[in-house]
Structures are given as structure tokens and as C-alpha cells.
Amino acid sequence: MAEIILFNKPFRVLSQFSDGEGRRTLADYLDAPGFRPAGRLDYDSEGLLLLTDDGALQQRIANPRHRHWKTYLAQVEGHASDAQLAALRAGLRLRDGPTLPAKVRRIPPPALWPRVPPVRERQAVPDCWLELSLREGRNRQVRRMTAAAGLPTLRLVRMAVADWTLGDLAPGEWRRCRVHLPAAPVRRRR
């Protein structure tokens, strides 16, 4: 049985335990020897980061070939049109190739914790919130997809990875849980 830590990564915290530049890291919040992040969450993104003490589980969560759904709330600049949402749902061509289709919908502003520093407000430029779910994990993918659709991301919060959710964890809070792993399949020689 493996253990996993669900961590609500605050804004401007690295998804690693050390940094030579003096930025905040996981070590500022967690004392978890033997645990490593299962995937990454950008320095300027917030929300659910999974850590585990089991290398096989870490690979199962982080490796893109397993195509776990990851759900995000994104505050974007502009008002998302039906055509922009359709483009996100169909998949977009980015510099590193086409994306898989995303699940996306407009949502009312969610009840989230305040971000420090707050997102800049511009009176003349509207914004809206989207809920997006992806099965890929490319570098800064949500931000690149929304920008390609003409909706630059202002704030990005990951709410779920596969069946694990952020729940009621406040920024910087974490909890452990046990994970029952299925037995590895037996390979037979021919």
C-alpha cells in the first residue's frame, strides 16, 4: 500500500523541495521525507499537487500515456464565446503539435481563496471563468491553449487529478491518504 499527499500548492511556490534562487518550495510547507511530486504545477499556478512515496505510483500518475483527467478553473481575459469554447473542445494546434480535445464550460466566478497578490483588474477588459479538463500534461498547456483561443489566462487553479480532488484544503494545507494499488499484470513468455 502506497501513501499519497494531497497538497494545495499556493501561488508562486515551486513544485520541488529545493531552489537555488530563494523562491518558496514544497519544503516551506511539507516535512515529507521520501515523497516526490507526481507531476508538476507551474510556479504561477495554484491548487492540487500530488506527492507520493511510491515510484511506480508516481509514474502512473505523472506519465502522460495514462491520460488521467486533470481539472482546472481558469480565470481568463475576455468573455469566452461559443466559438472559442468549441475550439478548445476540438483541440488546438500549438507550437509542439495538436492537443487532444478538452472538456470546457463557462462557470460563474468560483468561491476561491483570495490570491496574494490579487489578479489585476482592468475596468475596460472583461474576464470570465472556465472549467477545463485535459488528459495531457504538456508544459503550461492550459495557459497556451486559452491564449491560442484568444483568452489569456489570468489565474489558474487545479482542482482534480484523476479521482483525487482538492476538497476543502486551503493554500499550503495538505493531507495524507493511502492508495491500494492493483497487482502488476503477470507477463508470460511464449
N, C-alpha and C. Protein backbone atom coordinates (compact mmCIF):
# COMPACT_ATOMS: atom_id res chain seq x y z
N MET A 1 0.84 -1.17 0.00
CA MET A 1 0.00 0.00 0.00
C MET A 1 0.90 1.24 0.00
N ALA A 2 0.62 2.16 -0.92
CA ALA A 2 1.40 3.40 -1.04
C ALA A 2 0.66 4.53 -0.32
N GLU A 3 1.41 5.58 -0.06
CA GLU A 3 0.80 6.78 0.51
C GLU A 3 0.89 7.90 -0.50
N ILE A 4 -0.10 8.77 -0.43
CA ILE A 4 -0.12 9.94 -1.29
C ILE A 4 -0.43 11.15 -0.43
N ILE A 5 0.14 12.28 -0.79
CA ILE A 5 -0.16 13.54 -0.13
C ILE A 5 -0.89 14.42 -1.12
N LEU A 6 -2.04 14.93 -0.71
CA LEU A 6 -2.78 15.92 -1.48
C LEU A 6 -2.38 17.27 -0.91
N PHE A 7 -1.81 18.14 -1.73
CA PHE A 7 -1.30 19.43 -1.28
C PHE A 7 -1.92 20.54 -2.10
N ASN A 8 -2.40 21.59 -1.43
CA ASN A 8 -2.90 22.77 -2.14
C ASN A 8 -1.73 23.73 -2.30
N LYS A 9 -1.10 23.68 -3.47
CA LYS A 9 0.08 24.50 -3.73
C LYS A 9 -0.32 25.95 -3.91
N PRO A 10 0.23 26.84 -3.09
CA PRO A 10 -0.07 28.26 -3.25
C PRO A 10 0.58 28.85 -4.51
N PHE A 11 0.11 30.00 -4.88
CA PHE A 11 0.67 30.80 -5.96
C PHE A 11 2.13 31.12 -5.66
N ARG A 12 2.97 31.05 -6.68
CA ARG A 12 4.40 31.35 -6.59
C ARG A 12 5.14 30.46 -5.58
N VAL A 13 4.87 29.16 -5.67
CA VAL A 13 5.62 28.14 -4.93
C VAL A 13 6.06 27.11 -5.97
N LEU A 14 7.34 26.72 -5.92
CA LEU A 14 7.85 25.71 -6.85
C LEU A 14 7.36 24.32 -6.47
N SER A 15 7.14 23.49 -7.47
CA SER A 15 6.72 22.10 -7.25
C SER A 15 7.92 21.19 -7.03
N GLN A 16 8.83 21.63 -6.18
CA GLN A 16 10.02 20.85 -5.82
C GLN A 16 10.44 21.27 -4.41
N PHE A 17 11.37 20.51 -3.83
CA PHE A 17 11.74 20.73 -2.43
C PHE A 17 12.92 21.67 -2.23
N SER A 18 13.61 22.07 -3.30
CA SER A 18 14.74 22.98 -3.13
C SER A 18 14.81 23.94 -4.31
N ASP A 19 15.50 25.06 -4.08
CA ASP A 19 15.67 26.05 -5.14
C ASP A 19 16.89 26.90 -4.81
N GLY A 20 17.77 27.06 -5.75
CA GLY A 20 18.97 27.86 -5.54
C GLY A 20 18.74 29.35 -5.65
N GLU A 21 17.52 29.76 -6.00
CA GLU A 21 17.24 31.18 -6.21
C GLU A 21 16.45 31.81 -5.06
N GLY A 22 16.19 31.05 -4.02
CA GLY A 22 15.50 31.61 -2.86
C GLY A 22 13.99 31.69 -2.97
N ARG A 23 13.40 31.04 -3.98
CA ARG A 23 11.94 31.04 -4.10
C ARG A 23 11.34 30.04 -3.12
N ARG A 24 10.06 30.22 -2.80
CA ARG A 24 9.38 29.27 -1.91
C ARG A 24 9.24 27.93 -2.62
N THR A 25 9.38 26.85 -1.83
CA THR A 25 9.30 25.49 -2.36
C THR A 25 8.37 24.66 -1.48
N LEU A 26 8.20 23.41 -1.84
CA LEU A 26 7.40 22.48 -1.05
C LEU A 26 7.95 22.34 0.37
N ALA A 27 9.27 22.47 0.54
CA ALA A 27 9.89 22.34 1.86
C ALA A 27 9.41 23.41 2.83
N ASP A 28 8.90 24.51 2.32
CA ASP A 28 8.35 25.56 3.19
C ASP A 28 7.01 25.16 3.80
N TYR A 29 6.41 24.08 3.28
CA TYR A 29 5.08 23.67 3.73
C TYR A 29 5.03 22.23 4.23
N LEU A 30 5.89 21.37 3.70
CA LEU A 30 5.82 19.93 3.97
C LEU A 30 7.13 19.41 4.55
N ASP A 31 7.01 18.53 5.54
CA ASP A 31 8.14 17.75 6.01
C ASP A 31 7.78 16.30 5.68
N ALA A 32 8.18 15.89 4.48
CA ALA A 32 7.74 14.58 3.97
C ALA A 32 8.91 13.85 3.33
N PRO A 33 9.85 13.34 4.15
CA PRO A 33 10.99 12.61 3.57
C PRO A 33 10.51 11.42 2.74
N GLY A 34 11.13 11.24 1.59
CA GLY A 34 10.78 10.12 0.71
C GLY A 34 9.66 10.41 -0.26
N PHE A 35 8.97 11.53 -0.12
CA PHE A 35 7.88 11.87 -1.03
C PHE A 35 8.38 12.74 -2.16
N ARG A 36 7.86 12.51 -3.35
CA ARG A 36 8.21 13.29 -4.53
C ARG A 36 6.93 13.67 -5.27
N PRO A 37 6.96 14.83 -5.93
CA PRO A 37 5.77 15.22 -6.71
C PRO A 37 5.48 14.22 -7.81
N ALA A 38 4.21 13.94 -8.01
CA ALA A 38 3.75 13.09 -9.11
C ALA A 38 3.16 14.05 -10.15
N GLY A 39 4.02 14.58 -10.98
CA GLY A 39 3.62 15.62 -11.93
C GLY A 39 4.07 16.97 -11.41
N ARG A 40 3.73 18.01 -12.14
CA ARG A 40 4.16 19.36 -11.79
C ARG A 40 2.97 20.29 -11.86
N LEU A 41 3.14 21.41 -11.22
CA LEU A 41 2.18 22.51 -11.31
C LEU A 41 3.03 23.77 -11.37
N ASP A 42 2.81 24.58 -12.38
CA ASP A 42 3.65 25.76 -12.61
C ASP A 42 3.76 26.65 -11.37
N TYR A 43 4.86 27.37 -11.31
CA TYR A 43 5.15 28.32 -10.23
C TYR A 43 4.01 29.31 -10.03
N ASP A 44 3.41 29.77 -11.13
CA ASP A 44 2.35 30.78 -11.04
C ASP A 44 0.94 30.18 -11.12
N SER A 45 0.83 28.87 -10.95
CA SER A 45 -0.47 28.21 -10.86
C SER A 45 -0.68 27.73 -9.44
N GLU A 46 -1.93 27.48 -9.09
CA GLU A 46 -2.30 27.09 -7.73
C GLU A 46 -3.05 25.77 -7.77
N GLY A 47 -3.25 25.20 -6.59
CA GLY A 47 -4.14 24.07 -6.48
C GLY A 47 -3.48 22.74 -6.23
N LEU A 48 -4.17 21.68 -6.64
CA LEU A 48 -3.82 20.32 -6.26
C LEU A 48 -2.51 19.85 -6.87
N LEU A 49 -1.60 19.47 -5.99
CA LEU A 49 -0.36 18.81 -6.37
C LEU A 49 -0.31 17.50 -5.58
N LEU A 50 -0.05 16.40 -6.28
CA LEU A 50 0.05 15.10 -5.63
C LEU A 50 1.51 14.75 -5.40
N LEU A 51 1.78 14.19 -4.24
CA LEU A 51 3.12 13.69 -3.92
C LEU A 51 2.97 12.26 -3.43
N THR A 52 3.95 11.42 -3.72
CA THR A 52 3.87 10.03 -3.27
C THR A 52 5.24 9.52 -2.88
N ASP A 53 5.23 8.47 -2.06
CA ASP A 53 6.46 7.80 -1.65
C ASP A 53 6.69 6.52 -2.45
N ASP A 54 5.91 6.31 -3.52
CA ASP A 54 5.98 5.09 -4.31
C ASP A 54 6.31 5.45 -5.76
N GLY A 55 7.47 5.01 -6.24
CA GLY A 55 7.92 5.34 -7.59
C GLY A 55 6.99 4.86 -8.68
N ALA A 56 6.43 3.66 -8.53
CA ALA A 56 5.52 3.13 -9.55
C ALA A 56 4.24 3.98 -9.61
N LEU A 57 3.73 4.36 -8.46
CA LEU A 57 2.54 5.20 -8.43
C LEU A 57 2.85 6.59 -9.01
N GLN A 58 4.02 7.11 -8.69
CA GLN A 58 4.43 8.41 -9.23
C GLN A 58 4.41 8.35 -10.77
N GLN A 59 4.95 7.29 -11.34
CA GLN A 59 4.95 7.13 -12.80
C GLN A 59 3.53 7.00 -13.35
N ARG A 60 2.69 6.23 -12.65
CA ARG A 60 1.31 6.02 -13.11
C ARG A 60 0.54 7.33 -13.14
N ILE A 61 0.80 8.21 -12.18
CA ILE A 61 0.09 9.49 -12.13
C ILE A 61 0.67 10.48 -13.14
N ALA A 62 2.00 10.59 -13.20
CA ALA A 62 2.65 11.64 -13.98
C ALA A 62 2.82 11.31 -15.46
N ASN A 63 2.93 10.05 -15.82
CA ASN A 63 3.22 9.70 -17.20
C ASN A 63 2.01 10.01 -18.09
N PRO A 64 2.20 10.83 -19.13
CA PRO A 64 1.08 11.22 -19.99
C PRO A 64 0.38 10.07 -20.70
N ARG A 65 1.07 8.94 -20.86
CA ARG A 65 0.42 7.83 -21.58
C ARG A 65 -0.79 7.27 -20.83
N HIS A 66 -0.87 7.54 -19.52
CA HIS A 66 -2.02 7.05 -18.74
C HIS A 66 -3.23 7.95 -18.89
N ARG A 67 -3.02 9.15 -19.39
CA ARG A 67 -4.09 10.08 -19.75
C ARG A 67 -5.13 10.29 -18.65
N HIS A 68 -4.64 10.57 -17.46
CA HIS A 68 -5.55 10.91 -16.36
C HIS A 68 -6.15 12.29 -16.63
N TRP A 69 -7.44 12.44 -16.35
CA TRP A 69 -8.07 13.75 -16.48
C TRP A 69 -7.56 14.66 -15.36
N LYS A 70 -7.26 15.89 -15.72
CA LYS A 70 -6.87 16.93 -14.77
C LYS A 70 -7.85 18.08 -14.99
N THR A 71 -8.47 18.54 -13.89
CA THR A 71 -9.49 19.59 -14.00
C THR A 71 -8.98 20.88 -13.39
N TYR A 72 -9.17 21.97 -14.11
CA TYR A 72 -8.69 23.29 -13.72
C TYR A 72 -9.82 24.31 -13.75
N LEU A 73 -9.71 25.33 -12.91
CA LEU A 73 -10.54 26.52 -13.01
C LEU A 73 -9.61 27.62 -13.52
N ALA A 74 -10.02 28.28 -14.59
CA ALA A 74 -9.18 29.32 -15.20
C ALA A 74 -9.97 30.62 -15.31
N GLN A 75 -9.41 31.66 -14.75
CA GLN A 75 -9.94 33.00 -14.97
C GLN A 75 -9.22 33.53 -16.20
N VAL A 76 -9.99 33.86 -17.23
CA VAL A 76 -9.39 34.29 -18.49
C VAL A 76 -9.82 35.70 -18.83
N GLU A 77 -8.98 36.37 -19.60
CA GLU A 77 -9.26 37.72 -20.06
C GLU A 77 -10.21 37.64 -21.25
N GLY A 78 -11.27 38.41 -21.20
CA GLY A 78 -12.27 38.39 -22.26
C GLY A 78 -13.47 37.57 -21.85
N HIS A 79 -14.50 37.62 -22.68
CA HIS A 79 -15.70 36.81 -22.44
C HIS A 79 -15.67 35.67 -23.44
N ALA A 80 -15.57 34.45 -22.97
CA ALA A 80 -15.43 33.28 -23.85
C ALA A 80 -16.67 33.10 -24.72
N SER A 81 -16.46 33.15 -26.02
CA SER A 81 -17.56 32.94 -26.97
C SER A 81 -17.78 31.44 -27.18
N ASP A 82 -18.92 31.12 -27.77
CA ASP A 82 -19.18 29.71 -28.10
C ASP A 82 -18.13 29.17 -29.07
N ALA A 83 -17.68 30.02 -30.01
CA ALA A 83 -16.66 29.58 -30.98
C ALA A 83 -15.33 29.30 -30.28
N GLN A 84 -14.95 30.12 -29.31
CA GLN A 84 -13.70 29.89 -28.58
C GLN A 84 -13.78 28.60 -27.76
N LEU A 85 -14.93 28.37 -27.12
CA LEU A 85 -15.11 27.13 -26.36
C LEU A 85 -15.07 25.92 -27.28
N ALA A 86 -15.69 26.04 -28.47
CA ALA A 86 -15.69 24.94 -29.44
C ALA A 86 -14.26 24.63 -29.89
N ALA A 87 -13.43 25.66 -30.07
CA ALA A 87 -12.04 25.43 -30.47
C ALA A 87 -11.28 24.67 -29.38
N LEU A 88 -11.49 25.03 -28.11
CA LEU A 88 -10.85 24.31 -27.00
C LEU A 88 -11.33 22.87 -26.95
N ARG A 89 -12.63 22.67 -27.17
CA ARG A 89 -13.19 21.31 -27.13
C ARG A 89 -12.66 20.44 -28.27
N ALA A 90 -12.39 21.05 -29.41
CA ALA A 90 -11.93 20.29 -30.58
C ALA A 90 -10.44 19.97 -30.50
N GLY A 91 -9.70 20.75 -29.72
CA GLY A 91 -8.25 20.63 -29.68
C GLY A 91 -7.65 21.71 -30.56
N LEU A 92 -6.51 22.20 -30.17
CA LEU A 92 -5.85 23.30 -30.87
C LEU A 92 -4.47 22.88 -31.33
N ARG A 93 -3.95 23.57 -32.33
CA ARG A 93 -2.58 23.32 -32.76
C ARG A 93 -1.69 24.32 -32.04
N LEU A 94 -0.77 23.79 -31.21
CA LEU A 94 0.22 24.60 -30.52
C LEU A 94 1.56 24.41 -31.21
N ARG A 95 2.57 25.15 -30.80
CA ARG A 95 3.90 25.02 -31.44
C ARG A 95 4.42 23.59 -31.36
N ASP A 96 4.09 22.86 -30.29
CA ASP A 96 4.59 21.49 -30.15
C ASP A 96 3.59 20.45 -30.64
N GLY A 97 2.64 20.87 -31.46
CA GLY A 97 1.70 19.94 -32.07
C GLY A 97 0.28 20.11 -31.58
N PRO A 98 -0.63 19.31 -32.14
CA PRO A 98 -2.04 19.43 -31.76
C PRO A 98 -2.29 18.89 -30.35
N THR A 99 -3.27 19.48 -29.69
CA THR A 99 -3.68 19.00 -28.37
C THR A 99 -4.85 18.03 -28.54
N LEU A 100 -5.05 17.21 -27.54
CA LEU A 100 -6.26 16.40 -27.50
C LEU A 100 -7.43 17.32 -27.17
N PRO A 101 -8.64 16.93 -27.53
CA PRO A 101 -9.80 17.74 -27.16
C PRO A 101 -9.90 17.88 -25.65
N ALA A 102 -10.38 19.03 -25.23
CA ALA A 102 -10.59 19.32 -23.80
C ALA A 102 -12.08 19.35 -23.51
N LYS A 103 -12.41 19.12 -22.26
CA LYS A 103 -13.77 19.40 -21.79
C LYS A 103 -13.72 20.82 -21.25
N VAL A 104 -14.63 21.66 -21.63
CA VAL A 104 -14.60 23.05 -21.16
C VAL A 104 -16.01 23.62 -21.10
N ARG A 105 -16.22 24.45 -20.08
CA ARG A 105 -17.51 25.15 -19.96
C ARG A 105 -17.28 26.44 -19.17
N ARG A 106 -18.11 27.44 -19.48
CA ARG A 106 -18.11 28.67 -18.70
C ARG A 106 -18.77 28.38 -17.36
N ILE A 107 -18.23 29.00 -16.30
CA ILE A 107 -18.82 28.84 -14.96
C ILE A 107 -18.91 30.21 -14.30
N PRO A 108 -19.79 30.35 -13.30
CA PRO A 108 -19.78 31.60 -12.53
C PRO A 108 -18.49 31.70 -11.73
N PRO A 109 -18.10 32.91 -11.32
CA PRO A 109 -16.88 33.03 -10.51
C PRO A 109 -16.94 32.10 -9.30
N PRO A 110 -15.95 31.23 -9.13
CA PRO A 110 -15.98 30.26 -8.02
C PRO A 110 -15.62 30.92 -6.69
N ALA A 111 -16.02 30.28 -5.60
CA ALA A 111 -15.68 30.76 -4.25
C ALA A 111 -14.31 30.21 -3.89
N LEU A 112 -13.26 30.90 -4.31
CA LEU A 112 -11.89 30.50 -4.03
C LEU A 112 -11.29 31.44 -3.00
N TRP A 113 -10.19 31.02 -2.42
CA TRP A 113 -9.42 31.86 -1.51
C TRP A 113 -8.87 33.04 -2.30
N PRO A 114 -8.63 34.17 -1.62
CA PRO A 114 -8.01 35.30 -2.33
C PRO A 114 -6.57 34.96 -2.71
N ARG A 115 -6.17 35.41 -3.88
CA ARG A 115 -4.80 35.20 -4.29
C ARG A 115 -3.94 36.39 -3.85
N VAL A 116 -2.74 36.09 -3.37
CA VAL A 116 -1.81 37.13 -2.96
C VAL A 116 -0.57 37.04 -3.83
N PRO A 117 -0.26 38.06 -4.65
CA PRO A 117 -1.05 39.28 -4.86
C PRO A 117 -2.28 38.98 -5.71
N PRO A 118 -3.28 39.86 -5.63
CA PRO A 118 -4.51 39.62 -6.39
C PRO A 118 -4.28 39.74 -7.90
N VAL A 119 -5.17 39.15 -8.66
CA VAL A 119 -5.14 39.27 -10.12
C VAL A 119 -5.47 40.72 -10.46
N ARG A 120 -4.74 41.27 -11.41
CA ARG A 120 -5.00 42.66 -11.77
C ARG A 120 -6.39 42.80 -12.40
N GLU A 121 -7.05 43.90 -12.06
CA GLU A 121 -8.37 44.18 -12.64
C GLU A 121 -8.25 45.33 -13.60
N ARG A 122 -8.86 45.17 -14.76
CA ARG A 122 -8.87 46.25 -15.74
C ARG A 122 -10.33 46.56 -16.05
N GLN A 123 -10.73 47.78 -15.78
CA GLN A 123 -12.13 48.18 -15.94
C GLN A 123 -12.64 47.97 -17.36
N ALA A 124 -11.79 48.22 -18.36
CA ALA A 124 -12.23 48.17 -19.75
C ALA A 124 -12.15 46.76 -20.36
N VAL A 125 -11.57 45.80 -19.64
CA VAL A 125 -11.41 44.46 -20.20
C VAL A 125 -12.15 43.46 -19.32
N PRO A 126 -13.19 42.81 -19.85
CA PRO A 126 -13.93 41.83 -19.05
C PRO A 126 -13.11 40.56 -18.86
N ASP A 127 -13.53 39.75 -17.92
CA ASP A 127 -12.95 38.42 -17.76
C ASP A 127 -14.08 37.45 -17.45
N CYS A 128 -13.77 36.18 -17.52
CA CYS A 128 -14.74 35.14 -17.16
C CYS A 128 -13.98 33.93 -16.64
N TRP A 129 -14.72 32.98 -16.10
CA TRP A 129 -14.13 31.75 -15.55
C TRP A 129 -14.54 30.56 -16.41
N LEU A 130 -13.58 29.66 -16.59
CA LEU A 130 -13.81 28.41 -17.31
C LEU A 130 -13.41 27.24 -16.43
N GLU A 131 -14.11 26.13 -16.60
CA GLU A 131 -13.68 24.86 -16.04
C GLU A 131 -13.19 24.03 -17.21
N LEU A 132 -11.91 23.63 -17.16
CA LEU A 132 -11.31 22.85 -18.24
C LEU A 132 -10.79 21.54 -17.69
N SER A 133 -10.97 20.48 -18.46
CA SER A 133 -10.39 19.18 -18.11
C SER A 133 -9.58 18.69 -19.30
N LEU A 134 -8.35 18.26 -19.01
CA LEU A 134 -7.41 17.78 -20.04
C LEU A 134 -6.91 16.39 -19.68
N ARG A 135 -6.50 15.65 -20.70
CA ARG A 135 -5.88 14.34 -20.46
C ARG A 135 -4.41 14.34 -20.86
N GLU A 136 -3.84 15.51 -21.01
CA GLU A 136 -2.43 15.64 -21.33
C GLU A 136 -1.77 16.42 -20.21
N GLY A 137 -0.48 16.57 -20.27
CA GLY A 137 0.22 17.32 -19.24
C GLY A 137 1.41 18.07 -19.80
N ARG A 138 1.24 18.73 -20.92
CA ARG A 138 2.35 19.48 -21.51
C ARG A 138 2.67 20.71 -20.67
N ASN A 139 3.87 21.21 -20.84
CA ASN A 139 4.31 22.39 -20.12
C ASN A 139 3.37 23.57 -20.40
N ARG A 140 2.79 24.14 -19.34
CA ARG A 140 1.92 25.32 -19.40
C ARG A 140 0.78 25.16 -20.40
N GLN A 141 0.27 23.95 -20.54
CA GLN A 141 -0.69 23.65 -21.60
C GLN A 141 -1.98 24.44 -21.50
N VAL A 142 -2.59 24.53 -20.32
CA VAL A 142 -3.85 25.26 -20.22
C VAL A 142 -3.63 26.72 -20.63
N ARG A 143 -2.59 27.33 -20.13
CA ARG A 143 -2.31 28.73 -20.48
C ARG A 143 -2.07 28.89 -21.98
N ARG A 144 -1.35 27.96 -22.59
CA ARG A 144 -1.09 28.06 -24.03
C ARG A 144 -2.35 27.83 -24.84
N MET A 145 -3.22 26.91 -24.38
CA MET A 145 -4.46 26.64 -25.10
C MET A 145 -5.41 27.84 -25.02
N THR A 146 -5.59 28.39 -23.82
CA THR A 146 -6.51 29.53 -23.71
C THR A 146 -5.97 30.71 -24.50
N ALA A 147 -4.65 30.94 -24.49
CA ALA A 147 -4.07 32.04 -25.27
C ALA A 147 -4.31 31.81 -26.76
N ALA A 148 -4.14 30.57 -27.23
CA ALA A 148 -4.37 30.26 -28.65
C ALA A 148 -5.83 30.48 -29.04
N ALA A 149 -6.74 30.35 -28.08
CA ALA A 149 -8.16 30.58 -28.34
C ALA A 149 -8.53 32.05 -28.17
N GLY A 150 -7.53 32.91 -27.85
CA GLY A 150 -7.80 34.33 -27.67
C GLY A 150 -8.29 34.70 -26.29
N LEU A 151 -8.00 33.84 -25.30
CA LEU A 151 -8.46 34.05 -23.91
C LEU A 151 -7.28 33.88 -22.95
N PRO A 152 -6.38 34.85 -22.85
CA PRO A 152 -5.23 34.68 -21.96
C PRO A 152 -5.64 34.39 -20.52
N THR A 153 -4.95 33.45 -19.89
CA THR A 153 -5.25 33.07 -18.52
C THR A 153 -4.67 34.08 -17.53
N LEU A 154 -5.52 34.51 -16.60
CA LEU A 154 -5.11 35.42 -15.54
C LEU A 154 -4.82 34.66 -14.24
N ARG A 155 -5.60 33.62 -13.97
CA ARG A 155 -5.43 32.81 -12.75
C ARG A 155 -5.78 31.38 -13.11
N LEU A 156 -4.98 30.43 -12.59
CA LEU A 156 -5.20 29.03 -12.90
C LEU A 156 -5.09 28.20 -11.63
N VAL A 157 -6.15 27.42 -11.34
CA VAL A 157 -6.22 26.60 -10.13
C VAL A 157 -6.59 25.18 -10.54
N ARG A 158 -5.69 24.20 -10.20
CA ARG A 158 -6.02 22.80 -10.48
C ARG A 158 -6.86 22.27 -9.34
N MET A 159 -7.99 21.69 -9.70
CA MET A 159 -8.95 21.19 -8.71
C MET A 159 -8.91 19.67 -8.54
N ALA A 160 -8.49 18.94 -9.60
CA ALA A 160 -8.52 17.48 -9.52
C ALA A 160 -7.50 16.86 -10.47
N VAL A 161 -7.00 15.70 -10.06
CA VAL A 161 -6.17 14.84 -10.90
C VAL A 161 -6.75 13.44 -10.75
N ALA A 162 -7.23 12.87 -11.85
CA ALA A 162 -7.90 11.57 -11.81
C ALA A 162 -9.02 11.63 -10.77
N ASP A 163 -9.02 10.73 -9.79
CA ASP A 163 -10.08 10.72 -8.77
C ASP A 163 -9.74 11.53 -7.53
N TRP A 164 -8.55 12.13 -7.48
CA TRP A 164 -8.16 12.91 -6.32
C TRP A 164 -8.60 14.36 -6.52
N THR A 165 -9.20 14.96 -5.49
CA THR A 165 -9.68 16.33 -5.59
C THR A 165 -9.09 17.20 -4.48
N LEU A 166 -9.11 18.47 -4.71
CA LEU A 166 -8.59 19.43 -3.75
C LEU A 166 -9.45 19.48 -2.49
N GLY A 167 -10.74 19.28 -2.65
CA GLY A 167 -11.64 19.32 -1.49
C GLY A 167 -11.58 20.66 -0.79
N ASP A 168 -11.52 20.63 0.53
CA ASP A 168 -11.56 21.88 1.31
C ASP A 168 -10.17 22.33 1.79
N LEU A 169 -9.11 21.81 1.17
CA LEU A 169 -7.77 22.22 1.58
C LEU A 169 -7.52 23.68 1.22
N ALA A 170 -7.06 24.45 2.19
CA ALA A 170 -6.68 25.84 1.96
C ALA A 170 -5.27 25.88 1.40
N PRO A 171 -4.85 26.99 0.77
CA PRO A 171 -3.49 27.06 0.25
C PRO A 171 -2.46 26.75 1.34
N GLY A 172 -1.51 25.88 1.02
CA GLY A 172 -0.46 25.47 1.96
C GLY A 172 -0.85 24.29 2.83
N GLU A 173 -2.12 23.88 2.81
CA GLU A 173 -2.56 22.73 3.62
C GLU A 173 -2.40 21.45 2.82
N TRP A 174 -2.27 20.34 3.54
CA TRP A 174 -2.11 19.04 2.91
C TRP A 174 -2.70 17.95 3.80
N ARG A 175 -2.94 16.81 3.18
CA ARG A 175 -3.37 15.62 3.94
C ARG A 175 -2.85 14.38 3.24
N ARG A 176 -2.61 13.35 4.06
CA ARG A 176 -2.14 12.06 3.55
C ARG A 176 -3.32 11.13 3.36
N CYS A 177 -3.19 10.24 2.41
CA CYS A 177 -4.16 9.15 2.28
C CYS A 177 -3.43 7.93 1.72
N ARG A 178 -3.98 6.78 1.97
CA ARG A 178 -3.40 5.52 1.50
C ARG A 178 -4.04 5.16 0.16
N VAL A 179 -3.24 4.53 -0.68
CA VAL A 179 -3.69 4.14 -2.00
C VAL A 179 -3.45 2.65 -2.16
N HIS A 180 -4.49 1.93 -2.50
CA HIS A 180 -4.34 0.49 -2.76
C HIS A 180 -4.06 0.32 -4.23
N LEU A 181 -2.90 -0.24 -4.54
CA LEU A 181 -2.50 -0.44 -5.92
C LEU A 181 -2.87 -1.84 -6.36
N PRO A 182 -3.41 -1.95 -7.58
CA PRO A 182 -3.67 -3.30 -8.10
C PRO A 182 -2.35 -4.00 -8.38
N ALA A 183 -2.38 -5.30 -8.31
CA ALA A 183 -1.18 -6.09 -8.58
C ALA A 183 -0.76 -5.88 -10.03
N ALA A 184 0.52 -5.86 -10.26
CA ALA A 184 1.03 -5.72 -11.62
C ALA A 184 0.66 -6.95 -12.43
N PRO A 185 0.33 -6.78 -13.71
CA PRO A 185 -0.02 -7.94 -14.53
C PRO A 185 1.19 -8.85 -14.70
N VAL A 186 0.93 -10.14 -14.76
CA VAL A 186 1.98 -11.13 -14.95
C VAL A 186 2.21 -11.30 -16.44
N ARG A 187 3.47 -11.16 -16.86
CA ARG A 187 3.79 -11.35 -18.27
C ARG A 187 4.25 -12.78 -18.48
N ARG A 188 3.68 -13.39 -19.44
CA ARG A 188 4.04 -14.78 -19.72
C ARG A 188 4.94 -14.83 -20.95
N ARG A 189 5.94 -15.66 -20.89
CA ARG A 189 6.82 -15.86 -22.03
C ARG A 189 6.21 -16.86 -22.98
N ARG A 190 6.49 -16.64 -24.22
CA ARG A 190 5.97 -17.58 -25.22
C ARG A 190 7.03 -18.52 -25.68
